[in-house]
Protein backbone atom coordinates (compact mmCIF):
# COMPACT_ATOMS: atom_id res chain seq x y z
CA UNK A 1 0.00 0.00 0.00
CA UNK A 2 1.33 3.43 -0.89
CA UNK A 3 1.56 6.30 1.58
CA UNK A 4 -1.22 8.11 -0.30
CA UNK A 5 -3.51 5.09 -0.01
CA UNK A 6 -2.72 4.76 3.69
CA UNK A 7 -3.57 8.42 4.28
CA UNK A 8 -6.85 8.06 2.38
CA UNK A 9 -7.75 5.11 4.59
CA UNK A 10 -6.75 7.07 7.69
CA UNK A 11 -8.94 9.97 6.55
CA UNK A 12 -11.91 7.62 6.08
CA UNK A 13 -11.41 6.17 9.55
CA UNK A 14 -11.09 9.61 11.18
CA UNK A 15 -14.43 10.60 9.68
CA UNK A 16 -16.06 7.92 11.89
CA UNK A 17 -14.49 9.07 15.18
CA UNK A 18 -16.51 11.09 17.68
CA UNK A 19 -13.88 13.61 18.75
CA UNK A 20 -16.16 14.88 21.52
CA UNK A 21 -14.81 11.82 23.35
CA UNK A 22 -11.20 12.96 23.00
CA UNK A 23 -10.39 12.55 26.70
CA UNK A 24 -11.57 8.93 26.58
CA UNK A 25 -9.59 8.36 23.40
CA UNK A 26 -6.40 9.72 24.96
CA UNK A 27 -6.99 7.78 28.18
CA UNK A 28 -7.20 4.55 26.16
CA UNK A 29 -3.60 4.90 24.95
CA UNK A 30 -1.33 2.02 25.82
CA UNK A 31 1.95 3.95 25.66
CA UNK A 32 3.03 7.55 26.23
CA UNK A 33 3.86 7.88 22.52
CA UNK A 34 0.40 6.65 21.60
CA UNK A 35 -1.16 9.13 24.06
CA UNK A 36 0.85 11.96 22.49
CA UNK A 37 -0.32 10.93 19.02
CA UNK A 38 -3.96 10.69 20.14
CA UNK A 39 -3.69 14.09 21.80
CA UNK A 40 -2.19 15.74 18.72
CA UNK A 41 -4.70 14.12 16.36
CA UNK A 42 -7.79 14.98 18.42
CA UNK A 43 -6.53 18.50 19.11
CA UNK A 44 -5.91 19.12 15.43
CA UNK A 45 -9.36 17.87 14.38
CA UNK A 46 -11.18 19.78 17.13
CA UNK A 47 -9.33 23.04 16.38
CA UNK A 48 -10.00 22.59 12.68
CA UNK A 49 -13.73 22.05 13.33
CA UNK A 50 -13.85 25.22 15.47
CA UNK A 51 -12.12 27.33 12.81
CA UNK A 52 -14.55 26.07 10.18
CA UNK A 53 -17.59 26.67 12.40
CA UNK A 54 -16.40 30.24 13.07
CA UNK A 55 -15.68 30.86 9.36
CA UNK A 56 -12.11 31.89 10.20
CA UNK A 57 -10.47 30.40 7.13
């Protein structure tokens, strides 16, 4: 699988995640690195949603 295909699959999976549960998602991490990744990913998505909702783009 190419990197582009992997990112398309990741995008499709992220569309299904309820990021309102970000604290639960982060708490489910099994390693500190995984927790950091979950935190960065949920923070990015939530900030992006807020910017879009506020028409600040």
